[in-house]
Amino acid sequence: MKLIDMHCDTLWKLMDMEKDGDLMENHCSVSIPFMKEAGTKAQFFACFTCLKDFEDADGYEGCYGRVQDMIACLKRQTERFPDHIRLARAYQEVEENSREGKISAVLTVEEGGVLCDRINRLDALYENGIRLMTLMWNYENCIGYPNSREADKMSRGLKPFGIEVVRRMDELGMIVDVSHASDGTFFDVLKYSKKPVVASHSNCRALCEHPRNLTDEMIRKLAKTGGVAGLNFYGAFLGTGKENEADTAREDSTVDAMTAHILHMIRVGGTGFPAIGTDFDGFDAEGVLEIPDVSKMERLWSALKKAGVSEDQLDLIWGGNAERVMREVWG
């Protein structure tokens, strides 16, 4: 049972607590001891930035600077604990780390707006270790449009620069992530990318009608191209709570709801489709978290097994499906 989690926001929290916390000991949902208990093979660490936080600091330019700081933060952490965790820039390195008993830390960017219409900036991020990019967060950017409850906005897709970005990501060997994207952007990405695409932390819209989730048509098309979706543990995307106007509310993140979304992904997209993308440390929920941190992942494993998912299928969900994408895209 080797876990690959395609999305956490732990770096975002560590940046604010690095003086009194680190990957070995912190108040986050992801830590080295927790990952070891979970049997983590690779953890994707998102360099997340929110445009509104930098409105008085050059907007997306300020966000780009923050990404650089977050990259440096993870590198410091891996240098501090080299016996436990190591950066991985290629699939071969993930395998080497695993053989040596080390967790692989994979750097990602969550908010492609930091490119600021400069394609050379994408190359710079790749050289700095970024191996997956979530094209947008919740704001329109130079690449395209985010998910929305407004039909007109939801139908808008990639901008010309966005098409260039997707093609260049394919060339570099960087995974394209469509979580947070509008439906129009999603379908445009599948049109222009020639490599497997992921929705690193998205669930099923058939079970939870949230624009961040995937429709059955999207699941089928993503699966057909060899892509995967990582199960998001946030209650608002599981359908276990009510939202208010600010898109926040009390919601329980339950194992039963997680199980239902995985089973639906299997029914619609096949066993090769579901993966894990917890979104740990990326949401604040006032409700019950039945899996509060990565060390408790066996609770989901047991529930899925009880629901009839075989151990071979579980191995794919836990990491095998994500590994296949990593091999195909990273080379």
C-alpha atoms as a PDB file:
ATOM      1  CA  MET A   1       0.000   0.000   0.000  1.00  0.00           C
ATOM      2  CA  LYS A   2       2.016   2.963  -1.361  1.00  0.00           C
ATOM      3  CA  LEU A   3       0.219   6.294  -1.347  1.00  0.00           C
ATOM      4  CA  ILE A   4       0.600   9.085  -3.884  1.00  0.00           C
ATOM      5  CA  ASP A   5      -1.312  12.243  -2.971  1.00  0.00           C
ATOM      6  CA  MET A   6      -1.494  14.620  -5.931  1.00  0.00           C
ATOM      7  CA  HIS A   7      -2.417  17.730  -3.967  1.00  0.00           C
ATOM      8  CA  CYS A   8      -1.869  19.290  -0.560  1.00  0.00           C
ATOM      9  CA  ASP A   9      -1.467  22.913   0.527  1.00  0.00           C
ATOM     10  CA  THR A  10       0.893  22.209   3.398  1.00  0.00           C
ATOM     11  CA  LEU A  11       3.580  24.526   2.007  1.00  0.00           C
ATOM     12  CA  TRP A  12       1.108  27.393   2.271  1.00  0.00           C
ATOM     13  CA  LYS A  13       0.833  26.757   6.007  1.00  0.00           C
ATOM     14  CA  LEU A  14       4.523  26.026   6.548  1.00  0.00           C
ATOM     15  CA  MET A  15       5.464  29.394   5.053  1.00  0.00           C
ATOM     16  CA  ASP A  16       3.620  31.067   7.908  1.00  0.00           C
ATOM     17  CA  MET A  17       4.873  28.771  10.661  1.00  0.00           C
ATOM     18  CA  GLU A  18       8.380  27.835   9.572  1.00  0.00           C
ATOM     19  CA  LYS A  19       9.912  29.554  12.599  1.00  0.00           C
ATOM     20  CA  ASP A  20       8.139  27.157  14.944  1.00  0.00           C
ATOM     21  CA  GLY A  21       7.247  24.226  12.691  1.00  0.00           C
ATOM     22  CA  ASP A  22       8.626  22.093   9.888  1.00  0.00           C
ATOM     23  CA  LEU A  23       7.798  18.948   7.944  1.00  0.00           C
ATOM     24  CA  MET A  24       8.891  16.775  10.837  1.00  0.00           C
ATOM     25  CA  GLU A  25       6.760  18.444  13.487  1.00  0.00           C
ATOM     26  CA  ASN A  26       3.838  20.770  12.775  1.00  0.00           C
ATOM     27  CA  HIS A  27       0.134  21.348  13.269  1.00  0.00           C
ATOM     28  CA  CYS A  28      -0.709  20.435   9.679  1.00  0.00           C
ATOM     29  CA  SER A  29      -2.411  17.414   8.138  1.00  0.00           C
ATOM     30  CA  VAL A  30       0.804  16.424   6.363  1.00  0.00           C
ATOM     31  CA  SER A  31       4.109  15.755   8.115  1.00  0.00           C
ATOM     32  CA  ILE A  32       6.952  13.290   7.708  1.00  0.00           C
ATOM     33  CA  PRO A  33       5.756  11.051  10.591  1.00  0.00           C
ATOM     34  CA  PHE A  34       2.188  11.109   9.232  1.00  0.00           C
ATOM     35  CA  MET A  35       3.367  10.277   5.710  1.00  0.00           C
ATOM     36  CA  LYS A  36       5.518   7.423   6.979  1.00  0.00           C
ATOM     37  CA  GLU A  37       2.540   5.994   8.845  1.00  0.00           C
ATOM     38  CA  ALA A  38       0.459   6.243   5.671  1.00  0.00           C
ATOM     39  CA  GLY A  39       3.112   4.552   3.531  1.00  0.00           C
ATOM     40  CA  THR A  40       3.445   7.620   1.322  1.00  0.00           C
ATOM     41  CA  LYS A  41       5.553   7.099  -1.774  1.00  0.00           C
ATOM     42  CA  ALA A  42       5.126  10.603  -3.214  1.00  0.00           C
ATOM     43  CA  GLN A  43       3.448  13.765  -1.962  1.00  0.00           C
ATOM     44  CA  PHE A  44       2.704  16.600  -4.352  1.00  0.00           C
ATOM     45  CA  PHE A  45       3.228  19.963  -2.594  1.00  0.00           C
ATOM     46  CA  ALA A  46       1.371  22.883  -4.173  1.00  0.00           C
ATOM     47  CA  CYS A  47       2.863  26.350  -4.372  1.00  0.00           C
ATOM     48  CA  PHE A  48      -0.505  28.076  -4.026  1.00  0.00           C
ATOM     49  CA  THR A  49      -1.046  31.811  -4.334  1.00  0.00           C
ATOM     50  CA  CYS A  50      -4.234  33.865  -4.129  1.00  0.00           C
ATOM     51  CA  LEU A  51      -4.398  36.951  -6.338  1.00  0.00           C
ATOM     52  CA  LYS A  52      -6.375  38.947  -3.760  1.00  0.00           C
ATOM     53  CA  ASP A  53      -3.510  38.582  -1.286  1.00  0.00           C
ATOM     54  CA  PHE A  54      -1.238  40.442  -3.712  1.00  0.00           C
ATOM     55  CA  GLU A  55      -3.535  43.168  -5.034  1.00  0.00           C
ATOM     56  CA  ASP A  56      -1.258  45.768  -3.434  1.00  0.00           C
ATOM     57  CA  ALA A  57       1.919  43.915  -4.403  1.00  0.00           C
ATOM     58  CA  ASP A  58       1.904  43.826  -8.221  1.00  0.00           C
ATOM     59  CA  GLY A  59      -0.840  41.196  -8.473  1.00  0.00           C
ATOM     60  CA  TYR A  60       0.321  38.083 -10.277  1.00  0.00           C
ATOM     61  CA  GLU A  61       3.907  39.380 -10.255  1.00  0.00           C
ATOM     62  CA  GLY A  62       3.749  39.299  -6.476  1.00  0.00           C
ATOM     63  CA  CYS A  63       2.242  35.821  -6.680  1.00  0.00           C
ATOM     64  CA  TYR A  64       5.194  34.673  -8.778  1.00  0.00           C
ATOM     65  CA  GLY A  65       7.592  35.893  -6.128  1.00  0.00           C
ATOM     66  CA  ARG A  66       5.636  33.986  -3.505  1.00  0.00           C
ATOM     67  CA  VAL A  67       5.929  30.812  -5.602  1.00  0.00           C
ATOM     68  CA  GLN A  68       9.703  31.226  -5.594  1.00  0.00           C
ATOM     69  CA  ASP A  69       9.633  31.532  -1.818  1.00  0.00           C
ATOM     70  CA  MET A  70       7.545  28.365  -1.504  1.00  0.00           C
ATOM     71  CA  ILE A  71       9.864  26.407  -3.781  1.00  0.00           C
ATOM     72  CA  ALA A  72      12.781  27.498  -1.613  1.00  0.00           C
ATOM     73  CA  CYS A  73      10.846  26.503   1.506  1.00  0.00           C
ATOM     74  CA  LEU A  74      10.318  22.920   0.344  1.00  0.00           C
ATOM     75  CA  LYS A  75      13.935  22.648  -0.731  1.00  0.00           C
ATOM     76  CA  ARG A  76      15.025  23.758   2.736  1.00  0.00           C
ATOM     77  CA  GLN A  77      12.780  21.147   4.302  1.00  0.00           C
ATOM     78  CA  THR A  78      14.155  18.321   2.163  1.00  0.00           C
ATOM     79  CA  GLU A  79      17.718  19.451   2.895  1.00  0.00           C
ATOM     80  CA  ARG A  80      16.906  19.493   6.605  1.00  0.00           C
ATOM     81  CA  PHE A  81      15.543  15.940   6.606  1.00  0.00           C
ATOM     82  CA  PRO A  82      17.479  14.135   3.835  1.00  0.00           C
ATOM     83  CA  ASP A  83      17.115  10.723   5.462  1.00  0.00           C
ATOM     84  CA  HIS A  84      13.339  10.902   5.201  1.00  0.00           C
ATOM     85  CA  ILE A  85      12.275  12.978   2.203  1.00  0.00           C
ATOM     86  CA  ARG A  86      13.820  14.022  -1.088  1.00  0.00           C
ATOM     87  CA  LEU A  87      12.735  16.125  -4.065  1.00  0.00           C
ATOM     88  CA  ALA A  88      11.739  14.214  -7.198  1.00  0.00           C
ATOM     89  CA  ARG A  89      11.945  15.746 -10.662  1.00  0.00           C
ATOM     90  CA  ALA A  90      11.553  12.529 -12.663  1.00  0.00           C
ATOM     91  CA  TYR A  91       9.753   9.227 -12.255  1.00  0.00           C
ATOM     92  CA  GLN A  92      13.093   7.445 -12.000  1.00  0.00           C
ATOM     93  CA  GLU A  93      13.892   9.583  -8.957  1.00  0.00           C
ATOM     94  CA  VAL A  94      10.576   8.605  -7.355  1.00  0.00           C
ATOM     95  CA  GLU A  95      11.538   4.960  -7.766  1.00  0.00           C
ATOM     96  CA  GLU A  96      15.068   5.524  -6.453  1.00  0.00           C
ATOM     97  CA  ASN A  97      13.744   7.375  -3.417  1.00  0.00           C
ATOM     98  CA  SER A  98      11.289   4.594  -2.707  1.00  0.00           C
ATOM     99  CA  ARG A  99      14.006   1.927  -2.866  1.00  0.00           C
ATOM    100  CA  GLU A 100      16.012   3.946  -0.351  1.00  0.00           C
ATOM    101  CA  GLY A 101      13.041   4.310   2.000  1.00  0.00           C
ATOM    102  CA  LYS A 102      12.575   8.014   1.290  1.00  0.00           C
ATOM    103  CA  ILE A 103       9.373   9.899   0.510  1.00  0.00           C
ATOM    104  CA  SER A 104       9.378  11.809  -2.770  1.00  0.00           C
ATOM    105  CA  ALA A 105       8.357  15.470  -2.593  1.00  0.00           C
ATOM    106  CA  VAL A 106       6.969  16.782  -5.893  1.00  0.00           C
ATOM    107  CA  LEU A 107       6.669  20.525  -6.486  1.00  0.00           C
ATOM    108  CA  THR A 108       3.579  21.930  -8.194  1.00  0.00           C
ATOM    109  CA  VAL A 109       2.100  25.368  -8.885  1.00  0.00           C
ATOM    110  CA  GLU A 110      -1.551  26.095  -8.167  1.00  0.00           C
ATOM    111  CA  GLU A 111      -2.365  29.228 -10.179  1.00  0.00           C
ATOM    112  CA  GLY A 112      -0.963  29.516 -13.690  1.00  0.00           C
ATOM    113  CA  GLY A 113      -1.629  33.242 -13.675  1.00  0.00           C
ATOM    114  CA  VAL A 114       1.881  33.637 -12.220  1.00  0.00           C
ATOM    115  CA  LEU A 115       3.214  33.192 -15.767  1.00  0.00           C
ATOM    116  CA  CYS A 116       1.984  36.714 -16.602  1.00  0.00           C
ATOM    117  CA  ASP A 117       1.885  35.986 -20.366  1.00  0.00           C
ATOM    118  CA  ARG A 118       5.564  34.947 -20.374  1.00  0.00           C
ATOM    119  CA  ILE A 119       6.125  31.466 -21.745  1.00  0.00           C
ATOM    120  CA  ASN A 120       9.789  31.554 -20.681  1.00  0.00           C
ATOM    121  CA  ARG A 121       8.572  31.750 -17.089  1.00  0.00           C
ATOM    122  CA  LEU A 122       7.059  28.269 -17.521  1.00  0.00           C
ATOM    123  CA  ASP A 123      10.484  26.970 -18.542  1.00  0.00           C
ATOM    124  CA  ALA A 124      12.011  28.656 -15.498  1.00  0.00           C
ATOM    125  CA  LEU A 125       9.496  26.960 -13.201  1.00  0.00           C
ATOM    126  CA  TYR A 126      10.291  23.614 -14.781  1.00  0.00           C
ATOM    127  CA  GLU A 127      14.022  24.168 -14.270  1.00  0.00           C
ATOM    128  CA  ASN A 128      13.256  24.987 -10.637  1.00  0.00           C
ATOM    129  CA  GLY A 129      11.561  21.621 -10.126  1.00  0.00           C
ATOM    130  CA  ILE A 130       7.869  22.252 -10.869  1.00  0.00           C
ATOM    131  CA  ARG A 131       6.362  19.111 -12.399  1.00  0.00           C
ATOM    132  CA  LEU A 132       2.629  19.887 -12.382  1.00  0.00           C
ATOM    133  CA  MET A 133       0.710  23.120 -12.805  1.00  0.00           C
ATOM    134  CA  THR A 134      -2.925  23.796 -11.963  1.00  0.00           C
ATOM    135  CA  LEU A 135      -3.783  26.209 -14.774  1.00  0.00           C
ATOM    136  CA  MET A 136      -5.894  28.544 -12.681  1.00  0.00           C
ATOM    137  CA  TRP A 137      -7.418  28.934  -9.251  1.00  0.00           C
ATOM    138  CA  ASN A 138     -10.699  30.828  -8.855  1.00  0.00           C
ATOM    139  CA  TYR A 139      -9.889  33.830 -11.030  1.00  0.00           C
ATOM    140  CA  GLU A 140      -9.610  34.467 -14.751  1.00  0.00           C
ATOM    141  CA  ASN A 141      -5.957  34.652 -15.738  1.00  0.00           C
ATOM    142  CA  CYS A 142      -3.725  34.827 -18.811  1.00  0.00           C
ATOM    143  CA  ILE A 143      -4.329  31.121 -19.507  1.00  0.00           C
ATOM    144  CA  GLY A 144      -8.114  30.912 -19.348  1.00  0.00           C
ATOM    145  CA  TYR A 145     -11.176  30.815 -17.137  1.00  0.00           C
ATOM    146  CA  PRO A 146     -11.994  29.178 -13.792  1.00  0.00           C
ATOM    147  CA  ASN A 147     -15.072  27.262 -12.699  1.00  0.00           C
ATOM    148  CA  SER A 148     -18.159  29.388 -12.100  1.00  0.00           C
ATOM    149  CA  ARG A 149     -21.850  29.092 -11.310  1.00  0.00           C
ATOM    150  CA  GLU A 150     -22.503  31.487 -14.205  1.00  0.00           C
ATOM    151  CA  ALA A 151     -23.121  29.556 -17.424  1.00  0.00           C
ATOM    152  CA  ASP A 152     -21.453  32.143 -19.663  1.00  0.00           C
ATOM    153  CA  LYS A 153     -18.236  32.151 -17.627  1.00  0.00           C
ATOM    154  CA  MET A 154     -18.299  28.363 -17.273  1.00  0.00           C
ATOM    155  CA  SER A 155     -18.359  27.940 -21.060  1.00  0.00           C
ATOM    156  CA  ARG A 156     -15.278  30.064 -21.705  1.00  0.00           C
ATOM    157  CA  GLY A 157     -12.061  28.199 -22.402  1.00  0.00           C
ATOM    158  CA  LEU A 158      -8.367  28.642 -23.062  1.00  0.00           C
ATOM    159  CA  LYS A 159      -7.001  31.939 -24.293  1.00  0.00           C
ATOM    160  CA  PRO A 160      -4.390  31.914 -27.103  1.00  0.00           C
ATOM    161  CA  PHE A 161      -1.604  32.110 -24.510  1.00  0.00           C
ATOM    162  CA  GLY A 162      -3.258  29.234 -22.651  1.00  0.00           C
ATOM    163  CA  ILE A 163      -3.054  27.034 -25.746  1.00  0.00           C
ATOM    164  CA  GLU A 164       0.649  27.877 -25.994  1.00  0.00           C
ATOM    165  CA  VAL A 165       1.099  26.989 -22.308  1.00  0.00           C
ATOM    166  CA  VAL A 166      -0.586  23.593 -22.634  1.00  0.00           C
ATOM    167  CA  ARG A 167       1.508  22.699 -25.668  1.00  0.00           C
ATOM    168  CA  ARG A 168       4.712  23.813 -23.948  1.00  0.00           C
ATOM    169  CA  MET A 169       3.864  21.835 -20.811  1.00  0.00           C
ATOM    170  CA  ASP A 170       3.538  18.746 -23.009  1.00  0.00           C
ATOM    171  CA  GLU A 171       6.946  19.456 -24.524  1.00  0.00           C
ATOM    172  CA  LEU A 172       8.608  20.016 -21.162  1.00  0.00           C
ATOM    173  CA  GLY A 173       7.036  17.016 -19.473  1.00  0.00           C
ATOM    174  CA  MET A 174       4.933  18.953 -16.968  1.00  0.00           C
ATOM    175  CA  ILE A 175       1.543  17.553 -15.946  1.00  0.00           C
ATOM    176  CA  VAL A 176      -1.433  19.734 -16.914  1.00  0.00           C
ATOM    177  CA  ASP A 177      -3.956  20.003 -14.076  1.00  0.00           C
ATOM    178  CA  VAL A 178      -7.556  21.088 -14.808  1.00  0.00           C
ATOM    179  CA  SER A 179      -8.868  21.248 -11.240  1.00  0.00           C
ATOM    180  CA  HIS A 180     -10.470  24.713 -10.764  1.00  0.00           C
ATOM    181  CA  ALA A 181     -10.877  25.120 -14.540  1.00  0.00           C
ATOM    182  CA  SER A 182     -14.136  26.081 -16.250  1.00  0.00           C
ATOM    183  CA  ASP A 183     -15.840  23.402 -18.314  1.00  0.00           C
ATOM    184  CA  GLY A 184     -14.792  25.261 -21.457  1.00  0.00           C
ATOM    185  CA  THR A 185     -11.170  25.339 -20.331  1.00  0.00           C
ATOM    186  CA  PHE A 186     -11.346  21.637 -19.436  1.00  0.00           C
ATOM    187  CA  PHE A 187     -12.483  20.605 -22.919  1.00  0.00           C
ATOM    188  CA  ASP A 188     -10.002  22.933 -24.628  1.00  0.00           C
ATOM    189  CA  VAL A 189      -7.143  21.390 -22.634  1.00  0.00           C
ATOM    190  CA  LEU A 190      -8.132  17.900 -23.796  1.00  0.00           C
ATOM    191  CA  LYS A 191      -8.262  19.227 -27.346  1.00  0.00           C
ATOM    192  CA  TYR A 192      -4.737  20.651 -27.290  1.00  0.00           C
ATOM    193  CA  SER A 193      -2.816  18.373 -24.928  1.00  0.00           C
ATOM    194  CA  LYS A 194      -1.352  15.190 -26.334  1.00  0.00           C
ATOM    195  CA  LYS A 195      -0.425  13.796 -22.908  1.00  0.00           C
ATOM    196  CA  PRO A 196      -2.566  12.463 -20.043  1.00  0.00           C
ATOM    197  CA  VAL A 197      -4.203  15.319 -18.123  1.00  0.00           C
ATOM    198  CA  VAL A 198      -5.208  15.261 -14.453  1.00  0.00           C
ATOM    199  CA  ALA A 199      -7.798  16.872 -12.227  1.00  0.00           C
ATOM    200  CA  SER A 200      -5.539  16.665  -9.199  1.00  0.00           C
ATOM    201  CA  HIS A 201      -8.198  17.389  -6.553  1.00  0.00           C
ATOM    202  CA  SER A 202     -11.718  17.157  -7.978  1.00  0.00           C
ATOM    203  CA  ASN A 203     -14.781  14.992  -7.305  1.00  0.00           C
ATOM    204  CA  CYS A 204     -17.970  13.961  -9.131  1.00  0.00           C
ATOM    205  CA  ARG A 205     -20.638  16.512 -10.045  1.00  0.00           C
ATOM    206  CA  ALA A 206     -23.257  13.765 -10.286  1.00  0.00           C
ATOM    207  CA  LEU A 207     -22.928  13.302  -6.512  1.00  0.00           C
ATOM    208  CA  CYS A 208     -22.202  16.902  -5.536  1.00  0.00           C
ATOM    209  CA  GLU A 209     -23.366  19.632  -7.902  1.00  0.00           C
ATOM    210  CA  HIS A 210     -20.446  21.963  -7.404  1.00  0.00           C
ATOM    211  CA  PRO A 211     -18.750  23.592 -10.425  1.00  0.00           C
ATOM    212  CA  ARG A 212     -15.374  22.446  -9.089  1.00  0.00           C
ATOM    213  CA  ASN A 213     -16.393  18.830  -9.693  1.00  0.00           C
ATOM    214  CA  LEU A 214     -16.364  16.779 -12.894  1.00  0.00           C
ATOM    215  CA  THR A 215     -19.442  15.807 -14.892  1.00  0.00           C
ATOM    216  CA  ASP A 216     -19.764  12.213 -16.073  1.00  0.00           C
ATOM    217  CA  GLU A 217     -18.919  13.364 -19.607  1.00  0.00           C
ATOM    218  CA  MET A 218     -15.742  14.973 -18.304  1.00  0.00           C
ATOM    219  CA  ILE A 219     -14.821  11.835 -16.368  1.00  0.00           C
ATOM    220  CA  ARG A 220     -15.291   9.661 -19.457  1.00  0.00           C
ATOM    221  CA  LYS A 221     -13.259  11.952 -21.712  1.00  0.00           C
ATOM    222  CA  LEU A 222     -10.489  12.431 -19.180  1.00  0.00           C
ATOM    223  CA  ALA A 223     -10.271   8.679 -18.610  1.00  0.00           C
ATOM    224  CA  LYS A 224     -10.227   8.013 -22.363  1.00  0.00           C
ATOM    225  CA  THR A 225      -7.064  10.111 -22.711  1.00  0.00           C
ATOM    226  CA  GLY A 226      -5.370   8.275 -19.843  1.00  0.00           C
ATOM    227  CA  GLY A 227      -6.006  11.006 -17.295  1.00  0.00           C
ATOM    228  CA  VAL A 228      -6.977  10.671 -13.647  1.00  0.00           C
ATOM    229  CA  ALA A 229      -8.808  12.598 -10.933  1.00  0.00           C
ATOM    230  CA  GLY A 230      -7.631  12.864  -7.337  1.00  0.00           C
ATOM    231  CA  LEU A 231     -10.327  12.477  -4.686  1.00  0.00           C
ATOM    232  CA  ASN A 232     -10.724  15.766  -2.781  1.00  0.00           C
ATOM    233  CA  PHE A 233     -11.502  15.445   0.943  1.00  0.00           C
ATOM    234  CA  TYR A 234     -13.199  18.847   1.289  1.00  0.00           C
ATOM    235  CA  GLY A 235     -16.806  18.412   2.426  1.00  0.00           C
ATOM    236  CA  ALA A 236     -18.073  21.135   0.078  1.00  0.00           C
ATOM    237  CA  PHE A 237     -16.922  19.016  -2.884  1.00  0.00           C
ATOM    238  CA  LEU A 238     -18.096  15.736  -1.345  1.00  0.00           C
ATOM    239  CA  GLY A 239     -21.644  17.010  -0.920  1.00  0.00           C
ATOM    240  CA  THR A 240     -21.818  16.546   2.832  1.00  0.00           C
ATOM    241  CA  GLY A 241     -22.692  20.090   3.823  1.00  0.00           C
ATOM    242  CA  LYS A 242     -24.399  23.326   2.884  1.00  0.00           C
ATOM    243  CA  GLU A 243     -22.592  26.324   1.463  1.00  0.00           C
ATOM    244  CA  ASN A 244     -23.190  29.950   2.178  1.00  0.00           C
ATOM    245  CA  GLU A 245     -22.538  32.905  -0.128  1.00  0.00           C
ATOM    246  CA  ALA A 246     -18.855  32.822   0.737  1.00  0.00           C
ATOM    247  CA  ASP A 247     -18.683  29.162  -0.317  1.00  0.00           C
ATOM    248  CA  THR A 248     -17.867  28.139   3.238  1.00  0.00           C
ATOM    249  CA  ALA A 249     -19.992  26.423   5.841  1.00  0.00           C
ATOM    250  CA  ARG A 250     -20.049  23.602   8.305  1.00  0.00           C
ATOM    251  CA  GLU A 251     -19.649  20.386   6.386  1.00  0.00           C
ATOM    252  CA  ASP A 252     -18.549  16.945   7.445  1.00  0.00           C
ATOM    253  CA  SER A 253     -15.831  15.195   5.469  1.00  0.00           C
ATOM    254  CA  THR A 254     -16.942  11.597   5.772  1.00  0.00           C
ATOM    255  CA  VAL A 255     -15.420   8.334   4.632  1.00  0.00           C
ATOM    256  CA  ASP A 256     -18.807   7.211   3.308  1.00  0.00           C
ATOM    257  CA  ALA A 257     -18.967  10.230   1.000  1.00  0.00           C
ATOM    258  CA  MET A 258     -15.392   9.676  -0.172  1.00  0.00           C
ATOM    259  CA  THR A 259     -16.205   6.048  -0.897  1.00  0.00           C
ATOM    260  CA  ALA A 260     -19.268   7.030  -2.920  1.00  0.00           C
ATOM    261  CA  HIS A 261     -17.226   9.369  -5.127  1.00  0.00           C
ATOM    262  CA  ILE A 262     -14.516   6.754  -5.741  1.00  0.00           C
ATOM    263  CA  LEU A 263     -17.127   4.130  -6.644  1.00  0.00           C
ATOM    264  CA  HIS A 264     -18.770   6.573  -9.050  1.00  0.00           C
ATOM    265  CA  MET A 265     -15.404   7.355 -10.667  1.00  0.00           C
ATOM    266  CA  ILE A 266     -14.854   3.626 -11.179  1.00  0.00           C
ATOM    267  CA  ARG A 267     -18.324   3.105 -12.664  1.00  0.00           C
ATOM    268  CA  VAL A 268     -17.968   5.985 -15.114  1.00  0.00           C
ATOM    269  CA  GLY A 269     -14.236   6.152 -15.830  1.00  0.00           C
ATOM    270  CA  GLY A 270     -12.993   2.665 -14.977  1.00  0.00           C
ATOM    271  CA  THR A 271     -10.538   1.412 -12.385  1.00  0.00           C
ATOM    272  CA  GLY A 272      -7.680   3.253 -14.075  1.00  0.00           C
ATOM    273  CA  PHE A 273      -9.273   6.643 -13.385  1.00  0.00           C
ATOM    274  CA  PRO A 274      -9.499   7.418  -9.630  1.00  0.00           C
ATOM    275  CA  ALA A 275      -6.520   8.672  -7.656  1.00  0.00           C
ATOM    276  CA  ILE A 276      -5.968  10.607  -4.435  1.00  0.00           C
ATOM    277  CA  GLY A 277      -5.721  14.409  -4.175  1.00  0.00           C
ATOM    278  CA  THR A 278      -6.658  15.126  -0.577  1.00  0.00           C
ATOM    279  CA  ASP A 279      -6.379  18.942  -0.600  1.00  0.00           C
ATOM    280  CA  PHE A 280      -5.063  18.586   2.961  1.00  0.00           C
ATOM    281  CA  ASP A 281      -4.233  21.917   4.598  1.00  0.00           C
ATOM    282  CA  GLY A 282      -6.090  23.705   1.800  1.00  0.00           C
ATOM    283  CA  PHE A 283      -9.461  24.029   3.480  1.00  0.00           C
ATOM    284  CA  ASP A 284     -10.794  24.977   6.868  1.00  0.00           C
ATOM    285  CA  ALA A 285     -13.886  23.009   7.822  1.00  0.00           C
ATOM    286  CA  GLU A 286     -15.932  23.459  10.959  1.00  0.00           C
ATOM    287  CA  GLY A 287     -17.466  20.013  10.617  1.00  0.00           C
ATOM    288  CA  VAL A 288     -16.176  16.546  11.349  1.00  0.00           C
ATOM    289  CA  LEU A 289     -13.063  15.374   9.472  1.00  0.00           C
ATOM    290  CA  GLU A 290     -13.128  11.592   9.586  1.00  0.00           C
ATOM    291  CA  ILE A 291      -9.673  11.583   7.999  1.00  0.00           C
ATOM    292  CA  PRO A 292      -8.057  14.625   9.624  1.00  0.00           C
ATOM    293  CA  ASP A 293      -4.545  13.894   8.403  1.00  0.00           C
ATOM    294  CA  VAL A 294      -2.637  11.587   6.101  1.00  0.00           C
ATOM    295  CA  SER A 295      -1.797   9.124   8.877  1.00  0.00           C
ATOM    296  CA  LYS A 296      -5.471   8.059   8.985  1.00  0.00           C
ATOM    297  CA  MET A 297      -5.702   7.083   5.302  1.00  0.00           C
ATOM    298  CA  GLU A 298      -6.267   3.418   6.157  1.00  0.00           C
ATOM    299  CA  ARG A 299      -9.828   4.400   7.107  1.00  0.00           C
ATOM    300  CA  LEU A 300     -10.631   5.050   3.451  1.00  0.00           C
ATOM    301  CA  TRP A 301      -8.772   1.917   2.329  1.00  0.00           C
ATOM    302  CA  SER A 302     -10.852  -0.206   4.706  1.00  0.00           C
ATOM    303  CA  ALA A 303     -14.118   1.427   3.648  1.00  0.00           C
ATOM    304  CA  LEU A 304     -13.392   0.894  -0.046  1.00  0.00           C
ATOM    305  CA  LYS A 305     -12.409  -2.718   0.562  1.00  0.00           C
ATOM    306  CA  LYS A 306     -15.641  -3.240   2.503  1.00  0.00           C
ATOM    307  CA  ALA A 307     -17.533  -1.742  -0.449  1.00  0.00           C
ATOM    308  CA  GLY A 308     -16.115  -4.438  -2.741  1.00  0.00           C
ATOM    309  CA  VAL A 309     -13.038  -2.754  -4.220  1.00  0.00           C
ATOM    310  CA  SER A 310     -10.305  -5.361  -4.652  1.00  0.00           C
ATOM    311  CA  GLU A 311      -6.769  -4.880  -3.347  1.00  0.00           C
ATOM    312  CA  ASP A 312      -5.461  -4.723  -6.922  1.00  0.00           C
ATOM    313  CA  GLN A 313      -7.920  -1.914  -7.645  1.00  0.00           C
ATOM    314  CA  LEU A 314      -7.010  -0.197  -4.394  1.00  0.00           C
ATOM    315  CA  ASP A 315      -3.336  -0.259  -5.332  1.00  0.00           C
ATOM    316  CA  LEU A 316      -4.210   1.609  -8.530  1.00  0.00           C
ATOM    317  CA  ILE A 317      -6.329   4.184  -6.696  1.00  0.00           C
ATOM    318  CA  TRP A 318      -3.751   4.635  -3.950  1.00  0.00           C
ATOM    319  CA  GLY A 319      -0.891   5.329  -6.306  1.00  0.00           C
ATOM    320  CA  GLY A 320      -0.759   3.179  -9.421  1.00  0.00           C
ATOM    321  CA  ASN A 321      -2.942   5.415 -11.580  1.00  0.00           C
ATOM    322  CA  ALA A 322      -0.999   8.546 -10.629  1.00  0.00           C
ATOM    323  CA  GLU A 323       2.281   6.706 -11.257  1.00  0.00           C
ATOM    324  CA  ARG A 324       1.183   5.817 -14.768  1.00  0.00           C
ATOM    325  CA  VAL A 325       0.561   9.490 -15.548  1.00  0.00           C
ATOM    326  CA  MET A 326       3.908  10.441 -14.058  1.00  0.00           C
ATOM    327  CA  ARG A 327       5.704   7.878 -16.226  1.00  0.00           C
ATOM    328  CA  GLU A 328       3.899   8.940 -19.398  1.00  0.00           C
ATOM    329  CA  VAL A 329       4.249  12.698 -18.938  1.00  0.00           C
ATOM    330  CA  TRP A 330       7.623  12.988 -17.237  1.00  0.00           C
ATOM    331  CA  GLY A 331       9.213  10.277 -19.353  1.00  0.00           C
END
